[in-house]
Structure formats: structure tokens, C-alpha cells
Amino acid sequence: MAPIRSRAAPAPRRLSSTRIARGCHTGAVIRSVVFDFGQVLSSPAELYTAPAARLGVDPAAFEAAYWTGRVAYDRGGTDAAYWTPLLETLGRRATPELVRELAQLDARLWVEGVRPEALRVVRDVRDAGRLVAILSNAPFSLDLAFVDAPYADAADYWFVSASMGVVKPEEPVFFRVEEVLELAPAEIAFIDDRPANVHAARQAGWQAHLFVDDAGMRSWLQGLGVLPG
């Protein structure tokens, strides 16, 4: 298995105990908030339509093909291994140039799709004295794009599944985040839009919220005492 890697923002801050509130549900001190990326922070409006237009295919057909084989891609599979069968399904020839173009387009759409209000929540959490981490099931192409994202410094840690070699909701993902953050499970709050990932985080001992919208995410963090009401 590929080595598990995290990327830290410059000089993660040592938290001051005077700025940390207690979680309202378990009494545990919440020292870090871990955000999923796709749909929790980023909702690209043209995720399917832009590449479908490039290929001259129906967006619905592209969407149906998009998620086939995506888990293996997010686990660290190559661009060619993911995009070649997708293109063949859509009746298009998978040249190396087209594969590279689609991988870069896909990454750009996700990076540029971050919602301003979601990013405000992330920055508010960091301003409140908590460590912020992003935990995303994503391929290497997106991991590379995160490096140059204009908001890369909004998080202390970026955990990307392709570089870790494991994907949510597998147990090692959560153990690895705890190890890097050097925190107990009850000290971590987690937000994800997929019920299976939320369930797995709760099983790992994290406090977890199923994302519906930005207002609900902020309200949940306020209820934990992470953000002011």
C-alpha cells in the first residue's frame, strides 16, 4: 500500500486553552474540525456539463459514467486507468492528450467550485483556535491542484485519499488523521455529505455531522461550541 501522507499548512498553531470551548454533547474539548471537500466545500456547477461539452456527449451520460471506477481512482489509480474506460463507454477514443486534459479539467472544476460561505465557515473555525483539516476522497490530479488553490492556507492539514492509499469510509483513514493531528477521537468534529462516511466517523469515536447546507453546518458547529452562536 502506498505510504499515507498528509500535507500541513505552514507552522500549524499551538492552540490556546482559553480559546477552546467544550462540546455540548459529550463534554469533550473539540480541538479540530475535519471537513470533507466535495459537496461540503465545493459544488462545481459544471462538473458534468463542461467535460460533456468538450466531448460532445450528453451530460447525463457523462454523469452516469463519471462515478464508475471513481473509488479506485480516489484510492490512487492512474488517470489513464480511470478516464480510458469512461471515454470508451461514451464512444470516444482515449488518447494520452485527452486523458490529461480531462484530468486537469476535472481537478480545476473541483478547486474552483468552492462556495464562499463554506470557505467562511472554514476560516471562522480556524480563527476560533481549532486545527482545520480537509479529508477528501480524491485522485492525485486533484491533490496536485490543491497545492496551488487560493485557499490552500485555510486548512492546517490536507488529507487526500490517493496519497494515503485508503478511502473513506475505511477505518484506517480515521486512525491516520488522529495520528497526524495527535488528538483523541472525541476531540475531532467531522462534516461529510455521505451517510456512510458520517457513520464510520461516529464508529471511530468522532463527533460527526451529515452535511445538508452551509447554514446547517455552521449551526452544528455553534451547537458544539466551536463557533459563537
Foldseek 3Di string as FASTA:
>chain_A
DFAFDKDFFPDDDDFDPVLWDAFPPPRHTAQEEEEEQPPLFFDQPCLQVVVCVVVVHDSVLLVVLQPVVLLVQLLADDLCVRVQVSQVSRVHHDDVVVSVVNLLVNLVSSLVRGDPLSLVLLQQLVVSRHAYEYAYSHHPSNVVVLVPRPCVNSHRMYGGNNNNSDHPPDQVSLVVVCVVVVHQQDNYEYEEQDPRNQVSSVVSVHHYDHDDDSVVVSVSCCNGVSHPD
